[in-house]
Amino acid sequence: MKLALIQYAPEWENPHDSIIKLNLMLENQISDEDLLIFPEMTLTGFTMQSKKYAEEIDGLGMRFFINFAQRYKKNVIAGIIEYDEGRIYNSSFHFDSNGIIMARYRKIHPFSLAKENENYTAGHEPLISHIDKTKIGLAVCYDLRFPELYRYYGKENADIMVTIANWPVPRIEHWKTLLKARAIENLCYSVGVNRVGSDPKNKYNGCSVIYDPTGQELVLVENEEKIISVEIEVEKVNETREKFPFLNDLKLI
């Protein structure tokens, strides 16, 4: 399976201009990738103006990613500020190559230090999506600090764990270390897609990264707006778990 990690700097609280920027960035640059992955809150950055930018199924961002997936015939994982039945969620959506919504994961752990918990409703359910037989566990940013979610995905035999984020420079070593740990703990691919650039409160240097099921770093890109295209061997997950059947010994206390 070939992944494209879309590391870019969104236009702050400006979905229209972010869409223009992404179209220019991606035009003629997408080829044989199976899955494109965008950062958390892809079109706005990490805004607490949730009521202003939240959208339903017919919203600007939803329509953009549905049309994008259809046009390029690619699977897409992207961050959407989602409005549903009076509540607002920081969500990760998986659109298939026909633009159909395959999965909608709502961030379980809002970042209380930035008062995200006051502006977004916490999700309650882990979510595993699929591309053919490949199982993909979804997570968003601050979720990464809570291994219980990822352990659930490991026990459910997820092949890939995808974490989308707006993770700032001062704590970027935590980002890299925790993503690597999640790969090692659960013997699967750990993929992190982070933004670059800045917003009014933080600076970001990306460090979008893929770790294989043994924790080996396959790619890490810092401080570049870039489409990071990487081929992974999904069958390596089963091979690693058969060679090192550590998950069989797990006792949840």
Protein backbone atom coordinates (compact mmCIF):
# COMPACT_ATOMS: atom_id res chain seq x y z
CA MET A 1 0.00 0.00 0.00
CA LYS A 2 1.29 3.44 -0.88
CA LEU A 3 0.61 6.34 1.48
CA ALA A 4 0.89 10.09 0.89
CA LEU A 5 1.29 12.23 4.00
CA ILE A 6 0.19 15.79 3.21
CA GLN A 7 2.34 18.03 5.39
CA TYR A 8 1.36 21.66 4.86
CA ALA A 9 0.55 24.97 6.57
CA PRO A 10 -3.19 25.68 6.52
CA GLU A 11 -4.37 29.24 6.11
CA TRP A 12 -5.41 30.22 9.63
CA GLU A 13 -9.18 30.03 10.07
CA ASN A 14 -9.63 30.37 6.31
CA PRO A 15 -11.03 27.19 4.73
CA HIS A 16 -11.51 28.79 1.31
CA ASP A 17 -7.86 29.82 0.98
CA SER A 18 -6.67 26.50 2.43
CA ILE A 19 -8.60 24.69 -0.29
CA ILE A 20 -7.00 26.88 -2.96
CA LYS A 21 -3.58 26.16 -1.47
CA LEU A 22 -4.16 22.41 -1.33
CA ASN A 23 -5.43 22.31 -4.90
CA LEU A 24 -2.27 24.07 -6.09
CA MET A 25 -0.07 21.85 -3.95
CA LEU A 26 -1.65 18.57 -5.03
CA GLU A 27 -2.37 19.23 -8.70
CA ASN A 28 -0.29 16.91 -10.87
CA GLN A 29 1.53 15.62 -7.78
CA ILE A 30 -0.74 12.65 -7.01
CA SER A 31 0.03 9.45 -8.87
CA ASP A 32 -0.22 5.88 -7.59
CA GLU A 33 -0.89 6.49 -3.90
CA ASP A 34 -3.69 4.46 -2.31
CA LEU A 35 -4.33 6.72 0.67
CA LEU A 36 -3.78 10.45 1.24
CA ILE A 37 -3.63 11.65 4.86
CA PHE A 38 -4.09 15.29 5.89
CA PRO A 39 -3.47 16.97 9.29
CA GLU A 40 -5.96 17.62 12.08
CA MET A 41 -8.51 20.38 11.36
CA THR A 42 -7.11 20.35 7.85
CA LEU A 43 -8.63 23.55 6.52
CA THR A 44 -8.55 25.88 9.55
CA GLY A 45 -5.69 24.95 11.84
CA PHE A 46 -6.31 24.26 15.54
CA THR A 47 -9.05 26.83 16.07
CA MET A 48 -11.23 27.18 19.15
CA GLN A 49 -13.82 29.05 17.05
CA SER A 50 -15.69 25.79 16.75
CA LYS A 51 -19.18 27.24 16.26
CA LYS A 52 -17.98 29.41 13.38
CA TYR A 53 -16.26 26.63 11.44
CA ALA A 54 -18.28 23.53 12.29
CA GLU A 55 -20.02 21.92 9.33
CA GLU A 56 -22.52 19.25 8.45
CA ILE A 57 -22.41 16.78 5.57
CA ASP A 58 -22.98 19.51 2.98
CA GLY A 59 -20.29 21.83 4.37
CA LEU A 60 -17.40 23.32 2.43
CA GLY A 61 -14.73 20.98 3.75
CA MET A 62 -16.85 17.88 3.45
CA ARG A 63 -17.69 18.69 -0.16
CA PHE A 64 -14.04 19.44 -0.93
CA PHE A 65 -12.75 16.11 0.35
CA ILE A 66 -15.61 14.10 -1.16
CA ASN A 67 -14.99 15.71 -4.55
CA PHE A 68 -11.22 15.34 -4.16
CA ALA A 69 -11.50 11.62 -3.42
CA GLN A 70 -13.82 11.14 -6.39
CA ARG A 71 -11.68 13.18 -8.78
CA TYR A 72 -8.41 11.47 -7.94
CA LYS A 73 -9.93 8.06 -7.15
CA LYS A 74 -8.04 7.96 -3.84
CA ASN A 75 -8.84 7.12 -0.25
CA VAL A 76 -8.54 10.20 1.96
CA ILE A 77 -8.22 10.72 5.72
CA ALA A 78 -8.75 14.34 6.73
CA GLY A 79 -9.59 16.47 9.76
CA ILE A 80 -13.07 18.04 9.82
CA ILE A 81 -14.75 20.26 12.42
CA GLU A 82 -18.01 18.35 12.50
CA TYR A 83 -21.45 19.56 13.57
CA ASP A 84 -24.00 16.87 14.39
CA GLU A 85 -27.25 17.15 16.34
CA GLY A 86 -26.23 20.27 18.23
CA ARG A 87 -22.73 19.08 19.10
CA ILE A 88 -19.34 19.90 17.61
CA TYR A 89 -16.53 17.38 17.26
CA ASN A 90 -12.89 17.43 16.21
CA SER A 91 -13.14 14.52 13.80
CA SER A 92 -11.07 12.40 11.46
CA PHE A 93 -12.98 11.27 8.38
CA HIS A 94 -12.08 8.47 5.99
CA PHE A 95 -13.47 8.95 2.47
CA ASP A 96 -13.06 6.07 0.03
CA SER A 97 -12.05 6.42 -3.63
CA ASN A 98 -15.68 7.04 -4.58
CA GLY A 99 -16.03 9.84 -2.04
CA ILE A 100 -18.16 7.72 0.28
CA ILE A 101 -17.68 8.29 4.03
CA MET A 102 -16.24 5.03 5.31
CA ALA A 103 -15.53 6.16 8.87
CA ARG A 104 -15.93 9.11 11.20
CA TYR A 105 -13.78 9.11 14.31
CA ARG A 106 -14.46 11.80 16.92
CA LYS A 107 -11.48 12.80 19.05
CA ILE A 108 -11.87 11.14 22.43
CA HIS A 109 -9.39 13.34 24.30
CA PRO A 110 -9.93 17.09 23.72
CA PHE A 111 -6.82 19.09 24.68
CA SER A 112 -7.86 20.73 27.95
CA LEU A 113 -4.67 22.82 28.18
CA ALA A 114 -5.95 24.80 25.16
CA LYS A 115 -9.58 24.63 26.38
CA GLU A 116 -10.52 22.38 23.49
CA ASN A 117 -12.77 20.52 25.94
CA GLU A 118 -14.81 23.73 26.36
CA ASN A 119 -15.32 24.17 22.62
CA TYR A 120 -15.65 20.59 21.34
CA THR A 121 -17.54 17.53 22.53
CA ALA A 122 -15.43 14.49 23.32
CA GLY A 123 -16.00 11.37 21.26
CA HIS A 124 -16.52 8.07 23.03
CA GLU A 125 -15.71 5.30 20.59
CA PRO A 126 -12.53 3.95 19.01
CA LEU A 127 -12.94 3.41 15.30
CA ILE A 128 -11.27 1.06 12.84
CA SER A 129 -11.80 1.72 9.14
CA HIS A 130 -10.84 -0.47 6.20
CA ILE A 131 -9.25 -0.28 2.79
CA ASP A 132 -9.98 -3.68 1.33
CA LYS A 133 -8.69 -6.03 4.07
CA THR A 134 -6.33 -3.52 5.65
CA LYS A 135 -7.53 -2.32 9.06
CA ILE A 136 -6.82 1.30 10.01
CA GLY A 137 -7.25 2.69 13.52
CA LEU A 138 -7.98 6.42 13.67
CA ALA A 139 -6.79 8.96 16.25
CA VAL A 140 -6.35 12.72 16.58
CA CYS A 141 -3.42 14.59 18.15
CA TYR A 142 -3.77 14.60 21.97
CA ASP A 143 -5.16 11.04 21.80
CA LEU A 144 -1.55 10.01 21.29
CA ARG A 145 -0.77 10.57 24.97
CA PHE A 146 -3.31 7.92 25.98
CA PRO A 147 -2.08 4.45 24.98
CA GLU A 148 -5.34 2.74 25.91
CA LEU A 149 -6.93 3.79 22.62
CA TYR A 150 -4.03 2.41 20.60
CA ARG A 151 -3.95 -0.76 22.68
CA TYR A 152 -7.56 -1.34 21.68
CA TYR A 153 -6.55 -1.03 18.04
CA GLY A 154 -3.68 -3.45 18.62
CA LYS A 155 -5.96 -6.02 20.22
CA GLU A 156 -8.34 -5.64 17.28
CA ASN A 157 -5.44 -6.42 14.93
CA ALA A 158 -5.25 -3.04 13.23
CA ASP A 159 -2.56 -2.97 10.55
CA ILE A 160 -2.05 0.80 10.59
CA MET A 161 -2.71 3.46 13.22
CA VAL A 162 -3.16 6.94 11.74
CA THR A 163 -2.79 9.97 14.01
CA ILE A 164 -3.50 13.38 12.48
CA ALA A 165 -2.35 16.43 14.43
CA ASN A 166 -1.48 20.05 15.02
CA TRP A 167 1.42 19.22 17.35
CA PRO A 168 3.63 22.23 18.22
CA VAL A 169 7.43 22.51 18.20
CA PRO A 170 8.05 22.67 21.98
CA ARG A 171 6.68 19.12 22.45
CA ILE A 172 7.70 17.58 19.13
CA GLU A 173 10.03 15.05 20.77
CA HIS A 174 7.00 13.69 22.60
CA TRP A 175 5.23 13.32 19.24
CA LYS A 176 8.03 11.27 17.72
CA THR A 177 8.63 9.16 20.82
CA LEU A 178 4.98 8.33 21.43
CA LEU A 179 4.28 7.44 17.80
CA LYS A 180 7.27 5.11 17.82
CA ALA A 181 6.14 3.55 21.09
CA ARG A 182 2.66 2.89 19.69
CA ALA A 183 4.19 1.00 16.76
CA ILE A 184 6.41 -1.10 19.03
CA GLU A 185 3.66 -1.81 21.59
CA ASN A 186 1.12 -2.92 19.02
CA LEU A 187 3.40 -4.40 16.34
CA CYS A 188 1.87 -2.40 13.51
CA TYR A 189 2.52 0.68 11.39
CA SER A 190 2.21 3.99 13.23
CA VAL A 191 1.61 6.96 10.92
CA GLY A 192 1.61 10.54 12.16
CA VAL A 193 0.69 13.51 9.94
CA ASN A 194 1.37 16.93 11.41
CA ARG A 195 1.20 20.46 10.04
CA VAL A 196 3.95 23.04 9.54
CA GLY A 197 3.89 26.84 9.77
CA SER A 198 2.34 28.83 12.60
CA ASP A 199 -0.90 30.06 14.12
CA PRO A 200 -1.40 32.90 16.62
CA LYS A 201 -0.22 30.74 19.52
CA ASN A 202 2.15 28.06 18.20
CA LYS A 203 4.79 27.12 15.66
CA TYR A 204 4.83 23.74 13.96
CA ASN A 205 7.63 21.85 12.24
CA GLY A 206 5.74 18.84 10.95
CA CYS A 207 7.88 15.80 11.60
CA SER A 208 5.26 13.71 9.83
CA VAL A 209 6.53 10.19 10.21
CA ILE A 210 5.95 6.48 9.62
CA TYR A 211 7.24 3.78 11.95
CA ASP A 212 7.08 0.14 10.90
CA PRO A 213 5.84 -2.70 13.18
CA THR A 214 9.28 -3.03 14.77
CA GLY A 215 9.57 0.70 15.45
CA GLN A 216 11.93 1.43 12.58
CA GLU A 217 11.56 4.91 11.13
CA LEU A 218 10.67 4.72 7.44
CA VAL A 219 10.40 8.46 6.82
CA LEU A 220 10.38 11.69 8.81
CA VAL A 221 10.16 15.13 7.21
CA GLU A 222 10.74 18.32 9.19
CA ASN A 223 9.95 21.93 8.31
CA GLU A 224 8.78 21.34 4.73
CA GLU A 225 5.47 21.68 3.00
CA LYS A 226 5.61 18.41 1.17
CA ILE A 227 3.70 15.42 -0.15
CA ILE A 228 5.52 12.53 1.50
CA SER A 229 4.93 9.38 -0.53
CA VAL A 230 5.90 6.04 1.02
CA GLU A 231 5.21 2.41 0.16
CA ILE A 232 4.49 0.17 3.14
CA GLU A 233 4.27 -3.61 3.28
CA VAL A 234 1.05 -4.39 5.13
CA GLU A 235 1.89 -8.10 5.24
CA LYS A 236 4.83 -7.21 7.49
CA VAL A 237 2.36 -6.64 10.33
CA ASN A 238 1.26 -10.28 10.44
CA GLU A 239 4.82 -11.46 9.94
CA THR A 240 5.98 -9.38 12.90
CA ARG A 241 3.11 -10.48 15.13
CA GLU A 242 3.75 -14.13 14.30
CA LYS A 243 7.46 -13.76 15.02
CA PHE A 244 6.87 -11.77 18.20
CA PRO A 245 3.45 -12.83 19.59
CA PHE A 246 3.60 -10.29 22.42
CA LEU A 247 -0.05 -9.23 22.08
CA ASN A 248 -1.10 -12.76 23.03
CA ASP A 249 0.46 -12.20 26.45
CA LEU A 250 -1.32 -8.92 27.12
CA LYS A 251 -3.29 -8.77 30.37
CA LEU A 252 -5.53 -5.72 30.60
CA ILE A 253 -5.54 -4.68 34.26
